[in-house]
C-alpha atoms as a PDB file:
ATOM      1  CA  UNK A   1       3.581   1.448 -12.011  1.00  0.00           C
ATOM      2  CA  UNK A   2       7.732   2.292 -11.864  1.00  0.00           C
ATOM      3  CA  UNK A   3      10.013   2.605  -8.763  1.00  0.00           C
ATOM      4  CA  UNK A   4       9.962   6.279  -8.442  1.00  0.00           C
ATOM      5  CA  UNK A   5       6.118   5.392  -7.544  1.00  0.00           C
ATOM      6  CA  UNK A   6       6.855   3.339  -4.479  1.00  0.00           C
ATOM      7  CA  UNK A   7       5.727   4.791  -1.459  1.00  0.00           C
ATOM      8  CA  UNK A   8       8.135   5.278   1.635  1.00  0.00           C
ATOM      9  CA  UNK A   9       9.854   2.222   2.538  1.00  0.00           C
ATOM     10  CA  UNK A  10      10.102  -0.142  -0.875  1.00  0.00           C
ATOM     11  CA  UNK A  11      12.621  -1.179  -2.321  1.00  0.00           C
ATOM     12  CA  UNK A  12      12.489  -2.776  -5.750  1.00  0.00           C
ATOM     13  CA  UNK A  13      15.025  -5.424  -7.408  1.00  0.00           C
ATOM     14  CA  UNK A  14      14.575  -8.509  -9.486  1.00  0.00           C
ATOM     15  CA  UNK A  15      14.592 -12.444  -9.321  1.00  0.00           C
ATOM     16  CA  UNK A  16      15.844 -14.979 -12.370  1.00  0.00           C
ATOM     17  CA  UNK A  17      15.513 -18.398 -12.400  1.00  0.00           C
ATOM     18  CA  UNK A  18      15.576 -21.283 -14.723  1.00  0.00           C
ATOM     19  CA  UNK A  19      11.964 -22.595 -15.181  1.00  0.00           C
ATOM     20  CA  UNK A  20      10.713 -25.880 -17.626  1.00  0.00           C
ATOM     21  CA  UNK A  21      10.032 -22.548 -19.938  1.00  0.00           C
ATOM     22  CA  UNK A  22      13.578 -21.147 -19.913  1.00  0.00           C
ATOM     23  CA  UNK A  23      14.808 -18.117 -17.374  1.00  0.00           C
ATOM     24  CA  UNK A  24      12.144 -16.089 -16.215  1.00  0.00           C
ATOM     25  CA  UNK A  25      12.896 -12.818 -14.335  1.00  0.00           C
ATOM     26  CA  UNK A  26      10.776 -10.721 -12.844  1.00  0.00           C
ATOM     27  CA  UNK A  27      10.808  -7.347 -10.802  1.00  0.00           C
ATOM     28  CA  UNK A  28      10.077  -7.941  -6.931  1.00  0.00           C
ATOM     29  CA  UNK A  29       8.857  -4.729  -4.453  1.00  0.00           C
ATOM     30  CA  UNK A  30      10.205  -5.286  -0.894  1.00  0.00           C
ATOM     31  CA  UNK A  31       8.906  -3.923   2.429  1.00  0.00           C
ATOM     32  CA  UNK A  32      11.491  -5.202   5.201  1.00  0.00           C
ATOM     33  CA  UNK A  33      10.107  -5.654   8.416  1.00  0.00           C
ATOM     34  CA  UNK A  34      11.122  -7.876  11.604  1.00  0.00           C
ATOM     35  CA  UNK A  35       7.752 -10.294  11.422  1.00  0.00           C
ATOM     36  CA  UNK A  36       7.891 -13.466   8.975  1.00  0.00           C
ATOM     37  CA  UNK A  37       7.208 -12.622   5.076  1.00  0.00           C
ATOM     38  CA  UNK A  38       3.865 -12.280   3.027  1.00  0.00           C
ATOM     39  CA  UNK A  39       4.161 -12.806  -0.842  1.00  0.00           C
ATOM     40  CA  UNK A  40       1.628 -10.882  -2.110  1.00  0.00           C
ATOM     41  CA  UNK A  41       0.414 -11.247  -5.439  1.00  0.00           C
ATOM     42  CA  UNK A  42      -1.330  -8.553  -7.748  1.00  0.00           C
ATOM     43  CA  UNK A  43      -4.461  -9.405  -9.706  1.00  0.00           C
ATOM     44  CA  UNK A  44      -4.355  -9.127 -13.284  1.00  0.00           C
ATOM     45  CA  UNK A  45      -4.182  -5.045 -13.509  1.00  0.00           C
ATOM     46  CA  UNK A  46      -0.781  -5.717 -12.261  1.00  0.00           C
ATOM     47  CA  UNK A  47       1.004  -4.242  -9.231  1.00  0.00           C
ATOM     48  CA  UNK A  48      -1.608  -0.831  -8.774  1.00  0.00           C
ATOM     49  CA  UNK A  49      -2.559   1.243  -5.846  1.00  0.00           C
ATOM     50  CA  UNK A  50      -5.226  -1.405  -4.634  1.00  0.00           C
ATOM     51  CA  UNK A  51      -2.265  -4.067  -4.234  1.00  0.00           C
ATOM     52  CA  UNK A  52      -0.299  -1.220  -2.050  1.00  0.00           C
ATOM     53  CA  UNK A  53      -3.083  -0.686   0.053  1.00  0.00           C
ATOM     54  CA  UNK A  54      -3.588  -4.113   1.381  1.00  0.00           C
ATOM     55  CA  UNK A  55       0.319  -4.677   1.560  1.00  0.00           C
ATOM     56  CA  UNK A  56       0.006  -1.440   4.286  1.00  0.00           C
ATOM     57  CA  UNK A  57      -2.441  -3.590   5.990  1.00  0.00           C
ATOM     58  CA  UNK A  58       0.088  -6.418   5.857  1.00  0.00           C
ATOM     59  CA  UNK A  59       2.828  -4.052   7.077  1.00  0.00           C
ATOM     60  CA  UNK A  60       0.918  -2.668   9.708  1.00  0.00           C
ATOM     61  CA  UNK A  61       0.121  -6.317  11.160  1.00  0.00           C
ATOM     62  CA  UNK A  62       4.425  -6.254  11.278  1.00  0.00           C
ATOM     63  CA  UNK A  63       4.857  -8.850   8.320  1.00  0.00           C
ATOM     64  CA  UNK A  64       7.744  -8.468   5.799  1.00  0.00           C
ATOM     65  CA  UNK A  65       5.992  -7.812   2.225  1.00  0.00           C
ATOM     66  CA  UNK A  66       7.733  -9.389  -1.269  1.00  0.00           C
ATOM     67  CA  UNK A  67       5.432  -8.367  -4.242  1.00  0.00           C
ATOM     68  CA  UNK A  68       6.600 -10.114  -7.641  1.00  0.00           C
ATOM     69  CA  UNK A  69       5.434  -7.700 -10.555  1.00  0.00           C
ATOM     70  CA  UNK A  70       3.873 -10.854 -12.680  1.00  0.00           C
ATOM     71  CA  UNK A  71       2.474  -8.859 -15.736  1.00  0.00           C
ATOM     72  CA  UNK A  72       4.861  -6.438 -18.404  1.00  0.00           C
ATOM     73  CA  UNK A  73       2.140  -3.792 -19.283  1.00  0.00           C
ATOM     74  CA  UNK A  74       3.212  -1.008 -16.873  1.00  0.00           C
ATOM     75  CA  UNK A  75       0.160   0.479 -14.565  1.00  0.00           C
ATOM     76  CA  UNK A  76      -1.407   3.403 -15.498  1.00  0.00           C
ATOM     77  CA  UNK A  77      -4.761   4.472 -13.220  1.00  0.00           C
ATOM     78  CA  UNK A  78      -7.504   4.389 -14.748  1.00  0.00           C
ATOM     79  CA  UNK A  79      -6.804   3.381 -17.989  1.00  0.00           C
ATOM     80  CA  UNK A  80      -8.850   0.598 -19.271  1.00  0.00           C
ATOM     81  CA  UNK A  81      -6.024   0.239 -22.000  1.00  0.00           C
ATOM     82  CA  UNK A  82      -3.703  -0.692 -19.557  1.00  0.00           C
ATOM     83  CA  UNK A  83      -6.270  -3.677 -18.461  1.00  0.00           C
ATOM     84  CA  UNK A  84      -6.981  -4.700 -22.018  1.00  0.00           C
ATOM     85  CA  UNK A  85      -2.913  -4.846 -22.568  1.00  0.00           C
ATOM     86  CA  UNK A  86      -2.137  -6.951 -19.225  1.00  0.00           C
ATOM     87  CA  UNK A  87      -5.277  -9.684 -19.886  1.00  0.00           C
ATOM     88  CA  UNK A  88      -4.075 -10.023 -23.418  1.00  0.00           C
ATOM     89  CA  UNK A  89      -0.820 -10.871 -22.047  1.00  0.00           C
ATOM     90  CA  UNK A  90      -1.983 -12.802 -19.805  1.00  0.00           C
ATOM     91  CA  UNK A  91      -3.801 -15.002 -22.351  1.00  0.00           C
ATOM     92  CA  UNK A  92      -1.155 -15.315 -24.524  1.00  0.00           C
ATOM     93  CA  UNK A  93       1.180 -16.101 -21.953  1.00  0.00           C
ATOM     94  CA  UNK A  94       3.175 -19.692 -21.844  1.00  0.00           C
ATOM     95  CA  UNK A  95       4.210 -18.923 -18.383  1.00  0.00           C
ATOM     96  CA  UNK A  96       1.346 -18.354 -17.038  1.00  0.00           C
ATOM     97  CA  UNK A  97      -0.614 -21.461 -18.892  1.00  0.00           C
ATOM     98  CA  UNK A  98      -3.680 -19.167 -18.487  1.00  0.00           C
ATOM     99  CA  UNK A  99      -6.338 -21.181 -21.071  1.00  0.00           C
ATOM    100  CA  UNK A 100      -4.718 -24.484 -19.896  1.00  0.00           C
ATOM    101  CA  UNK A 101      -6.184 -27.220 -18.072  1.00  0.00           C
ATOM    102  CA  UNK A 102      -4.536 -29.429 -15.896  1.00  0.00           C
ATOM    103  CA  UNK A 103      -1.215 -27.807 -15.827  1.00  0.00           C
ATOM    104  CA  UNK A 104       1.017 -26.098 -13.625  1.00  0.00           C
ATOM    105  CA  UNK A 105       2.373 -22.571 -15.453  1.00  0.00           C
ATOM    106  CA  UNK A 106       6.059 -21.757 -15.331  1.00  0.00           C
ATOM    107  CA  UNK A 107       5.086 -18.861 -13.380  1.00  0.00           C
ATOM    108  CA  UNK A 108       4.393 -21.116 -10.070  1.00  0.00           C
ATOM    109  CA  UNK A 109       8.076 -22.820 -10.626  1.00  0.00           C
ATOM    110  CA  UNK A 110       9.527 -19.110 -10.562  1.00  0.00           C
ATOM    111  CA  UNK A 111       7.451 -18.464  -7.408  1.00  0.00           C
ATOM    112  CA  UNK A 112       8.135 -21.540  -5.265  1.00  0.00           C
ATOM    113  CA  UNK A 113      12.046 -20.632  -6.284  1.00  0.00           C
ATOM    114  CA  UNK A 114      11.036 -16.931  -4.787  1.00  0.00           C
ATOM    115  CA  UNK A 115       9.285 -18.537  -1.694  1.00  0.00           C
ATOM    116  CA  UNK A 116      12.698 -20.465  -1.004  1.00  0.00           C
ATOM    117  CA  UNK A 117      14.873 -17.536  -1.381  1.00  0.00           C
ATOM    118  CA  UNK A 118      12.463 -15.465   0.785  1.00  0.00           C
ATOM    119  CA  UNK A 119      12.777 -18.626   3.539  1.00  0.00           C
ATOM    120  CA  UNK A 120      16.191 -19.480   2.757  1.00  0.00           C
ATOM    121  CA  UNK A 121      17.366 -15.371   3.599  1.00  0.00           C
ATOM    122  CA  UNK A 122      14.763 -14.590   6.759  1.00  0.00           C
ATOM    123  CA  UNK A 123      14.348 -17.624   7.857  1.00  0.00           C
ATOM    124  CA  UNK A 124      11.397 -17.221   8.730  1.00  0.00           C
ATOM    125  CA  UNK A 125       8.087 -18.769   7.918  1.00  0.00           C
ATOM    126  CA  UNK A 126       6.195 -17.713   4.503  1.00  0.00           C
ATOM    127  CA  UNK A 127       2.647 -17.246   3.796  1.00  0.00           C
ATOM    128  CA  UNK A 128       1.466 -16.689  -0.152  1.00  0.00           C
ATOM    129  CA  UNK A 129      -1.705 -14.471  -0.824  1.00  0.00           C
ATOM    130  CA  UNK A 130      -3.016 -14.579  -3.987  1.00  0.00           C
ATOM    131  CA  UNK A 131      -5.647 -12.532  -5.864  1.00  0.00           C
ATOM    132  CA  UNK A 132      -7.870 -13.164  -8.740  1.00  0.00           C
ATOM    133  CA  UNK A 133      -5.459 -14.405 -11.649  1.00  0.00           C
ATOM    134  CA  UNK A 134      -2.898 -15.617  -9.107  1.00  0.00           C
ATOM    135  CA  UNK A 135      -4.888 -17.190  -6.957  1.00  0.00           C
ATOM    136  CA  UNK A 136      -4.138 -20.779  -7.894  1.00  0.00           C
ATOM    137  CA  UNK A 137      -0.603 -19.790  -7.745  1.00  0.00           C
ATOM    138  CA  UNK A 138      -0.451 -19.164  -4.110  1.00  0.00           C
ATOM    139  CA  UNK A 139      -1.966 -22.791  -3.797  1.00  0.00           C
ATOM    140  CA  UNK A 140       0.785 -24.474  -5.963  1.00  0.00           C
ATOM    141  CA  UNK A 141       3.674 -22.403  -3.690  1.00  0.00           C
ATOM    142  CA  UNK A 142       2.603 -25.162  -0.687  1.00  0.00           C
ATOM    143  CA  UNK A 143       4.981 -27.466  -1.969  1.00  0.00           C
ATOM    144  CA  UNK A 144       7.731 -25.396  -0.487  1.00  0.00           C
ATOM    145  CA  UNK A 145       8.947 -26.226   2.801  1.00  0.00           C
ATOM    146  CA  UNK A 146       8.930 -22.472   4.265  1.00  0.00           C
ATOM    147  CA  UNK A 147       5.274 -21.948   3.001  1.00  0.00           C
ATOM    148  CA  UNK A 148       3.241 -22.112   5.825  1.00  0.00           C
ATOM    149  CA  UNK A 149       0.207 -20.595   4.803  1.00  0.00           C
ATOM    150  CA  UNK A 150      -1.256 -19.844   1.439  1.00  0.00           C
ATOM    151  CA  UNK A 151      -4.454 -17.638   0.431  1.00  0.00           C
ATOM    152  CA  UNK A 152      -6.664 -17.855  -2.410  1.00  0.00           C
ATOM    153  CA  UNK A 153      -8.636 -14.640  -2.934  1.00  0.00           C
ATOM    154  CA  UNK A 154     -10.960 -15.007  -5.930  1.00  0.00           C
ATOM    155  CA  UNK A 155      -9.057 -17.699  -8.029  1.00  0.00           C
ATOM    156  CA  UNK A 156      -9.832 -16.632 -11.956  1.00  0.00           C
ATOM    157  CA  UNK A 157      -7.699 -19.087 -13.187  1.00  0.00           C
ATOM    158  CA  UNK A 158      -7.642 -20.940 -15.702  1.00  0.00           C
ATOM    159  CA  UNK A 159      -9.748 -18.936 -18.143  1.00  0.00           C
ATOM    160  CA  UNK A 160     -11.666 -21.524 -19.582  1.00  0.00           C
ATOM    161  CA  UNK A 161     -15.145 -22.635 -20.863  1.00  0.00           C
ATOM    162  CA  UNK A 162     -17.576 -23.725 -18.419  1.00  0.00           C
ATOM    163  CA  UNK A 163     -16.217 -27.384 -18.944  1.00  0.00           C
ATOM    164  CA  UNK A 164     -12.361 -26.390 -17.083  1.00  0.00           C
ATOM    165  CA  UNK A 165     -14.411 -24.103 -14.546  1.00  0.00           C
ATOM    166  CA  UNK A 166     -13.426 -26.427 -11.595  1.00  0.00           C
ATOM    167  CA  UNK A 167     -10.014 -26.736 -12.638  1.00  0.00           C
ATOM    168  CA  UNK A 168      -7.021 -25.132  -9.888  1.00  0.00           C
ATOM    169  CA  UNK A 169      -4.779 -24.517 -12.192  1.00  0.00           C
ATOM    170  CA  UNK A 170      -2.135 -27.812 -11.415  1.00  0.00           C
ATOM    171  CA  UNK A 171      -0.829 -30.769 -13.061  1.00  0.00           C
ATOM    172  CA  UNK A 172      -2.032 -33.856 -11.403  1.00  0.00           C
ATOM    173  CA  UNK A 173       1.364 -35.024  -9.950  1.00  0.00           C
ATOM    174  CA  UNK A 174       1.743 -31.119  -8.390  1.00  0.00           C
ATOM    175  CA  UNK A 175      -1.799 -31.337  -7.144  1.00  0.00           C
ATOM    176  CA  UNK A 176      -0.535 -34.754  -5.549  1.00  0.00           C
ATOM    177  CA  UNK A 177       2.492 -32.846  -4.339  1.00  0.00           C
ATOM    178  CA  UNK A 178       0.636 -30.243  -2.582  1.00  0.00           C
ATOM    179  CA  UNK A 179      -1.896 -32.732  -1.321  1.00  0.00           C
ATOM    180  CA  UNK A 180       1.036 -34.522   0.662  1.00  0.00           C
ATOM    181  CA  UNK A 181       2.403 -30.968   1.828  1.00  0.00           C
ATOM    182  CA  UNK A 182      -0.670 -30.051   3.558  1.00  0.00           C
ATOM    183  CA  UNK A 183      -2.146 -33.519   4.474  1.00  0.00           C
ATOM    184  CA  UNK A 184      -5.654 -32.493   4.559  1.00  0.00           C
ATOM    185  CA  UNK A 185      -5.571 -28.752   3.842  1.00  0.00           C
ATOM    186  CA  UNK A 186      -5.521 -27.032   7.073  1.00  0.00           C
ATOM    187  CA  UNK A 187      -3.220 -24.074   5.887  1.00  0.00           C
ATOM    188  CA  UNK A 188      -5.093 -22.852   2.833  1.00  0.00           C
ATOM    189  CA  UNK A 189      -7.717 -20.532   3.119  1.00  0.00           C
ATOM    190  CA  UNK A 190      -9.896 -19.560  -0.063  1.00  0.00           C
ATOM    191  CA  UNK A 191     -12.295 -16.170  -0.963  1.00  0.00           C
ATOM    192  CA  UNK A 192     -14.856 -15.536  -3.437  1.00  0.00           C
ATOM    193  CA  UNK A 193     -17.890 -13.244  -3.399  1.00  0.00           C
ATOM    194  CA  UNK A 194     -21.034 -14.996  -3.421  1.00  0.00           C
ATOM    195  CA  UNK A 195     -22.184 -13.617  -7.167  1.00  0.00           C
ATOM    196  CA  UNK A 196     -18.465 -12.956  -8.789  1.00  0.00           C
ATOM    197  CA  UNK A 197     -18.847 -14.276 -12.274  1.00  0.00           C
ATOM    198  CA  UNK A 198     -15.238 -14.342 -12.976  1.00  0.00           C
ATOM    199  CA  UNK A 199     -14.346 -16.602  -9.699  1.00  0.00           C
ATOM    200  CA  UNK A 200     -16.370 -19.658 -10.296  1.00  0.00           C
ATOM    201  CA  UNK A 201     -18.572 -20.949  -7.162  1.00  0.00           C
ATOM    202  CA  UNK A 202     -17.786 -24.120  -9.047  1.00  0.00           C
ATOM    203  CA  UNK A 203     -13.677 -23.710  -8.056  1.00  0.00           C
ATOM    204  CA  UNK A 204     -14.392 -22.874  -4.435  1.00  0.00           C
ATOM    205  CA  UNK A 205     -16.352 -25.810  -3.775  1.00  0.00           C
ATOM    206  CA  UNK A 206     -13.428 -28.249  -5.651  1.00  0.00           C
ATOM    207  CA  UNK A 207     -11.327 -26.530  -3.131  1.00  0.00           C
ATOM    208  CA  UNK A 208     -13.060 -27.563  -0.020  1.00  0.00           C
ATOM    209  CA  UNK A 209     -13.447 -30.768  -1.781  1.00  0.00           C
ATOM    210  CA  UNK A 210      -9.839 -31.691  -2.367  1.00  0.00           C
ATOM    211  CA  UNK A 211      -8.842 -30.339   1.433  1.00  0.00           C
ATOM    212  CA  UNK A 212     -11.486 -30.831   3.991  1.00  0.00           C
ATOM    213  CA  UNK A 213      -9.537 -28.468   6.426  1.00  0.00           C
ATOM    214  CA  UNK A 214      -9.285 -25.385   4.067  1.00  0.00           C
ATOM    215  CA  UNK A 215     -11.192 -21.914   5.115  1.00  0.00           C
ATOM    216  CA  UNK A 216     -13.803 -21.512   2.334  1.00  0.00           C
ATOM    217  CA  UNK A 217     -15.500 -18.101   2.567  1.00  0.00           C
ATOM    218  CA  UNK A 218     -17.806 -17.128   0.367  1.00  0.00           C
ATOM    219  CA  UNK A 219     -18.551 -13.238   1.065  1.00  0.00           C
ATOM    220  CA  UNK A 220     -22.161 -12.710   0.874  1.00  0.00           C
ATOM    221  CA  UNK A 221     -23.123  -9.562  -2.025  1.00  0.00           C
ATOM    222  CA  UNK A 222     -25.576  -8.640  -3.811  1.00  0.00           C
ATOM    223  CA  UNK A 223     -23.722  -7.192  -6.229  1.00  0.00           C
ATOM    224  CA  UNK A 224     -22.524  -9.220  -9.438  1.00  0.00           C
ATOM    225  CA  UNK A 225     -19.563  -6.615  -9.638  1.00  0.00           C
ATOM    226  CA  UNK A 226     -17.836  -7.166  -7.016  1.00  0.00           C
ATOM    227  CA  UNK A 227     -14.837  -9.513  -7.675  1.00  0.00           C
ATOM    228  CA  UNK A 228     -11.252  -8.212  -5.327  1.00  0.00           C
ATOM    229  CA  UNK A 229     -12.223  -9.540  -2.014  1.00  0.00           C
ATOM    230  CA  UNK A 230      -9.101  -8.119   0.092  1.00  0.00           C
ATOM    231  CA  UNK A 231      -9.169  -5.050  -2.137  1.00  0.00           C
ATOM    232  CA  UNK A 232     -12.451  -3.839  -1.287  1.00  0.00           C
ATOM    233  CA  UNK A 233     -12.139  -5.140   2.373  1.00  0.00           C
ATOM    234  CA  UNK A 234      -9.261  -3.091   3.508  1.00  0.00           C
ATOM    235  CA  UNK A 235     -11.048   0.271   2.111  1.00  0.00           C
ATOM    236  CA  UNK A 236     -12.822   2.343   4.810  1.00  0.00           C
ATOM    237  CA  UNK A 237     -16.314   1.748   3.578  1.00  0.00           C
ATOM    238  CA  UNK A 238     -15.938  -2.389   3.839  1.00  0.00           C
ATOM    239  CA  UNK A 239     -19.295  -3.803   4.536  1.00  0.00           C
ATOM    240  CA  UNK A 240     -19.403  -5.969   8.342  1.00  0.00           C
ATOM    241  CA  UNK A 241     -19.140  -9.353   6.404  1.00  0.00           C
ATOM    242  CA  UNK A 242     -16.370  -8.345   4.044  1.00  0.00           C
ATOM    243  CA  UNK A 243     -14.589  -6.958   6.980  1.00  0.00           C
ATOM    244  CA  UNK A 244     -15.042  -9.983   8.933  1.00  0.00           C
ATOM    245  CA  UNK A 245     -13.385 -11.905   5.983  1.00  0.00           C
ATOM    246  CA  UNK A 246     -10.322  -9.607   6.053  1.00  0.00           C
ATOM    247  CA  UNK A 247     -10.225 -10.105   9.475  1.00  0.00           C
ATOM    248  CA  UNK A 248     -10.540 -13.759   9.323  1.00  0.00           C
ATOM    249  CA  UNK A 249      -7.693 -13.855   6.759  1.00  0.00           C
ATOM    250  CA  UNK A 250      -5.460 -11.876   9.381  1.00  0.00           C
ATOM    251  CA  UNK A 251      -5.648 -14.566  11.978  1.00  0.00           C
ATOM    252  CA  UNK A 252      -5.328 -17.332   9.925  1.00  0.00           C
ATOM    253  CA  UNK A 253      -2.091 -15.647   8.500  1.00  0.00           C
ATOM    254  CA  UNK A 254      -1.341 -14.871  12.368  1.00  0.00           C
ATOM    255  CA  UNK A 255      -1.828 -18.942  13.409  1.00  0.00           C
ATOM    256  CA  UNK A 256       0.286 -19.919  10.707  1.00  0.00           C
ATOM    257  CA  UNK A 257       3.051 -17.762  10.696  1.00  0.00           C
ATOM    258  CA  UNK A 258       3.463 -17.201  14.531  1.00  0.00           C
END
């Protein structure tokens, strides 16, 4: 998705930060508003129309929207080649650590720096929403002083065999830092569809075990192909339990960002 494809009200820039793997530079799309900031992380397909649909709902609640573009392949609506290209990039990318257990990807370092920048710029609290491959990235940003809420929607990384399906995609020391930052986990919310094959149920159970006060929400469905909770929840045809998951997420953000 190029800058010319963005809806009115969005501006595009870039952000550069020196991580443990070197300097990372990524495009960042912003929509200004008077309210707190929500950093919305896209799914494996990249910054897509469905991401913008979620952003529109958040903007309607008065939030300032910040959307980093974390993968390089340009969005082309309806082309399977785009998704495949991004998945290859995700799996081989050292900064995403998509296939690594007990490791924090350098992209999380970059996101923490971005969250600090947004908080220091606006002097307002920040929430981070991760979806699919970026679900666990949101958890890693909780150590930032300005991040008051993290939403993990269908967290899917690391992509590993059964032995690692409960891994949260953070190093042991970073996980300890997150625990110290949130106490029992009251500022964490996690969701997945009950039959999702990409985001394993063991990961949601581990989040609940690690952060006992976290809001962990399975959304019931009979369709094993359902995966993108928020992207489907903002559609007009969302069923009641799915719509409730969206309403609960908005209420969660309102509580922690007020």
